[in-house]
Amino acid sequence: MAAKKTFKLGENARGGIITVEITGKIIVVIGKEWDMSKGCSRSSNQSGAKEFTRGTAESTDPNVRRKLDDFLNDLTTSYYAGQILEWIESKVKLGGGNPWD
């Protein structure tokens, strides 16, 4: 299973763009700088936006939700971090369950 989504948040996120890529159990969150040469609207093609940070987590990690939330809150507001986490959880199950089982 592979899923990818780009969130064009503009002034609500550092750099303006957050891309999430999910491949199997690996979740990658990428912060990108808005490419102003392609336009300012959300409909502008931002496929060439430059990456400035990247966070990777494994969905089976018992602390994955907290790690993703911390990383996302460093990039954007808690509202948008929650929206992105909801999308991630709709694509992959987070957490490894009880470590004592």
C-alpha atoms as a PDB file:
ATOM      1  CA  MET A   1       0.000   0.000   0.000  1.00  0.00           C
ATOM      2  CA  ALA A   2       1.372   3.408  -0.961  1.00  0.00           C
ATOM      3  CA  ALA A   3      -0.346   6.708  -0.292  1.00  0.00           C
ATOM      4  CA  LYS A   4       0.795  10.282  -0.801  1.00  0.00           C
ATOM      5  CA  LYS A   5      -0.836  13.617  -0.128  1.00  0.00           C
ATOM      6  CA  THR A   6       0.390  17.190  -0.317  1.00  0.00           C
ATOM      7  CA  PHE A   7      -1.105  19.753   2.042  1.00  0.00           C
ATOM      8  CA  LYS A   8      -0.720  23.307   0.692  1.00  0.00           C
ATOM      9  CA  LEU A   9      -1.192  25.317   3.867  1.00  0.00           C
ATOM     10  CA  GLY A  10       0.485  28.578   2.876  1.00  0.00           C
ATOM     11  CA  GLU A  11       1.100  30.865   5.842  1.00  0.00           C
ATOM     12  CA  ASN A  12      -0.284  28.236   8.238  1.00  0.00           C
ATOM     13  CA  ALA A  13       2.854  26.106   7.910  1.00  0.00           C
ATOM     14  CA  ARG A  14       6.598  26.687   7.903  1.00  0.00           C
ATOM     15  CA  GLY A  15       7.516  26.708   4.236  1.00  0.00           C
ATOM     16  CA  GLY A  16       3.858  26.469   3.259  1.00  0.00           C
ATOM     17  CA  ILE A  17       3.743  22.837   2.103  1.00  0.00           C
ATOM     18  CA  ILE A  18       3.665  19.505   3.940  1.00  0.00           C
ATOM     19  CA  THR A  19       3.787  16.254   1.992  1.00  0.00           C
ATOM     20  CA  VAL A  20       3.058  12.879   3.590  1.00  0.00           C
ATOM     21  CA  GLU A  21       4.171   9.635   1.947  1.00  0.00           C
ATOM     22  CA  ILE A  22       3.130   6.244   3.329  1.00  0.00           C
ATOM     23  CA  THR A  23       4.789   3.101   1.985  1.00  0.00           C
ATOM     24  CA  GLY A  24       3.939  -0.047   3.892  1.00  0.00           C
ATOM     25  CA  LYS A  25       4.749   0.667   7.543  1.00  0.00           C
ATOM     26  CA  ILE A  26       6.973   3.684   6.818  1.00  0.00           C
ATOM     27  CA  ILE A  27       5.494   7.183   7.172  1.00  0.00           C
ATOM     28  CA  VAL A  28       7.490  10.122   5.816  1.00  0.00           C
ATOM     29  CA  VAL A  29       6.519  13.752   6.514  1.00  0.00           C
ATOM     30  CA  ILE A  30       8.282  16.340   4.346  1.00  0.00           C
ATOM     31  CA  GLY A  31       8.296  20.106   4.866  1.00  0.00           C
ATOM     32  CA  LYS A  32       8.740  22.082   1.640  1.00  0.00           C
ATOM     33  CA  GLU A  33       9.283  25.740   0.751  1.00  0.00           C
ATOM     34  CA  TRP A  34       6.546  27.228  -1.447  1.00  0.00           C
ATOM     35  CA  ASP A  35       7.871  27.865  -4.982  1.00  0.00           C
ATOM     36  CA  MET A  36       6.677  31.441  -5.566  1.00  0.00           C
ATOM     37  CA  SER A  37       7.798  31.321  -9.210  1.00  0.00           C
ATOM     38  CA  LYS A  38       4.915  28.884  -9.854  1.00  0.00           C
ATOM     39  CA  GLY A  39       2.288  31.156  -8.328  1.00  0.00           C
ATOM     40  CA  CYS A  40       0.731  31.934  -4.982  1.00  0.00           C
ATOM     41  CA  SER A  41      -2.606  30.118  -5.205  1.00  0.00           C
ATOM     42  CA  ARG A  42      -3.264  26.658  -3.789  1.00  0.00           C
ATOM     43  CA  SER A  43      -3.975  25.437  -7.315  1.00  0.00           C
ATOM     44  CA  SER A  44      -0.431  26.299  -8.439  1.00  0.00           C
ATOM     45  CA  ASN A  45       1.901  23.436  -9.377  1.00  0.00           C
ATOM     46  CA  GLN A  46       4.208  23.003  -6.393  1.00  0.00           C
ATOM     47  CA  SER A  47       5.762  19.683  -7.474  1.00  0.00           C
ATOM     48  CA  GLY A  48       9.185  21.363  -7.711  1.00  0.00           C
ATOM     49  CA  ALA A  49       9.073  22.881  -4.214  1.00  0.00           C
ATOM     50  CA  LYS A  50      12.346  22.482  -2.313  1.00  0.00           C
ATOM     51  CA  GLU A  51      12.446  20.175   0.697  1.00  0.00           C
ATOM     52  CA  PHE A  52      13.821  21.706   3.923  1.00  0.00           C
ATOM     53  CA  THR A  53      13.011  19.016   6.505  1.00  0.00           C
ATOM     54  CA  ARG A  54      11.976  15.387   6.667  1.00  0.00           C
ATOM     55  CA  GLY A  55      10.726  13.129   9.426  1.00  0.00           C
ATOM     56  CA  THR A  56      10.328   9.360   9.199  1.00  0.00           C
ATOM     57  CA  ALA A  57       8.417   7.038  11.501  1.00  0.00           C
ATOM     58  CA  GLU A  58       7.344   3.406  11.509  1.00  0.00           C
ATOM     59  CA  SER A  59       3.626   2.816  12.010  1.00  0.00           C
ATOM     60  CA  THR A  60       4.266  -0.106  14.401  1.00  0.00           C
ATOM     61  CA  ASP A  61       6.225   2.068  16.870  1.00  0.00           C
ATOM     62  CA  PRO A  62       4.136   2.363  20.075  1.00  0.00           C
ATOM     63  CA  ASN A  63       5.011   6.100  20.222  1.00  0.00           C
ATOM     64  CA  VAL A  64       4.429   6.849  16.533  1.00  0.00           C
ATOM     65  CA  ARG A  65       1.398   9.087  17.064  1.00  0.00           C
ATOM     66  CA  ARG A  66       3.268  11.293  19.562  1.00  0.00           C
ATOM     67  CA  LYS A  67       6.360  11.459  17.338  1.00  0.00           C
ATOM     68  CA  LEU A  68       4.304  12.458  14.296  1.00  0.00           C
ATOM     69  CA  ASP A  69       2.295  14.977  16.322  1.00  0.00           C
ATOM     70  CA  ASP A  70       5.475  16.581  17.715  1.00  0.00           C
ATOM     71  CA  PHE A  71       7.058  16.793  14.256  1.00  0.00           C
ATOM     72  CA  LEU A  72       3.897  18.181  12.649  1.00  0.00           C
ATOM     73  CA  ASN A  73       3.401  20.743  15.426  1.00  0.00           C
ATOM     74  CA  ASP A  74       6.901  22.010  14.690  1.00  0.00           C
ATOM     75  CA  LEU A  75       5.791  22.618  11.078  1.00  0.00           C
ATOM     76  CA  THR A  76       2.219  23.889  11.494  1.00  0.00           C
ATOM     77  CA  THR A  77      -0.589  24.722  13.909  1.00  0.00           C
ATOM     78  CA  SER A  78      -2.143  22.078  16.143  1.00  0.00           C
ATOM     79  CA  TYR A  79      -5.330  22.236  14.037  1.00  0.00           C
ATOM     80  CA  TYR A  80      -3.558  21.311  10.788  1.00  0.00           C
ATOM     81  CA  ALA A  81      -1.328  18.798  12.594  1.00  0.00           C
ATOM     82  CA  GLY A  82      -4.538  17.085  13.731  1.00  0.00           C
ATOM     83  CA  GLN A  83      -6.003  17.168  10.224  1.00  0.00           C
ATOM     84  CA  ILE A  84      -2.847  15.597   8.761  1.00  0.00           C
ATOM     85  CA  LEU A  85      -2.767  12.940  11.512  1.00  0.00           C
ATOM     86  CA  GLU A  86      -6.404  12.080  10.748  1.00  0.00           C
ATOM     87  CA  TRP A  87      -5.483  11.559   7.088  1.00  0.00           C
ATOM     88  CA  ILE A  88      -2.494   9.388   8.072  1.00  0.00           C
ATOM     89  CA  GLU A  89      -4.698   7.285  10.380  1.00  0.00           C
ATOM     90  CA  SER A  90      -7.213   6.809   7.558  1.00  0.00           C
ATOM     91  CA  LYS A  91      -4.443   5.178   5.511  1.00  0.00           C
ATOM     92  CA  VAL A  92      -2.478   3.170   8.073  1.00  0.00           C
ATOM     93  CA  LYS A  93      -3.020   1.823  11.614  1.00  0.00           C
ATOM     94  CA  LEU A  94      -0.758   3.617  14.097  1.00  0.00           C
ATOM     95  CA  GLY A  95       0.901   2.026  17.123  1.00  0.00           C
ATOM     96  CA  GLY A  96       2.210  -1.389  17.875  1.00  0.00           C
ATOM     97  CA  GLY A  97      -0.348  -2.230  20.506  1.00  0.00           C
ATOM     98  CA  ASN A  98       0.518  -3.235  24.033  1.00  0.00           C
ATOM     99  CA  PRO A  99       4.282  -3.977  24.324  1.00  0.00           C
ATOM    100  CA  TRP A 100       3.614  -6.437  27.186  1.00  0.00           C
ATOM    101  CA  ASP A 101       1.415  -8.774  25.117  1.00  0.00           C
END
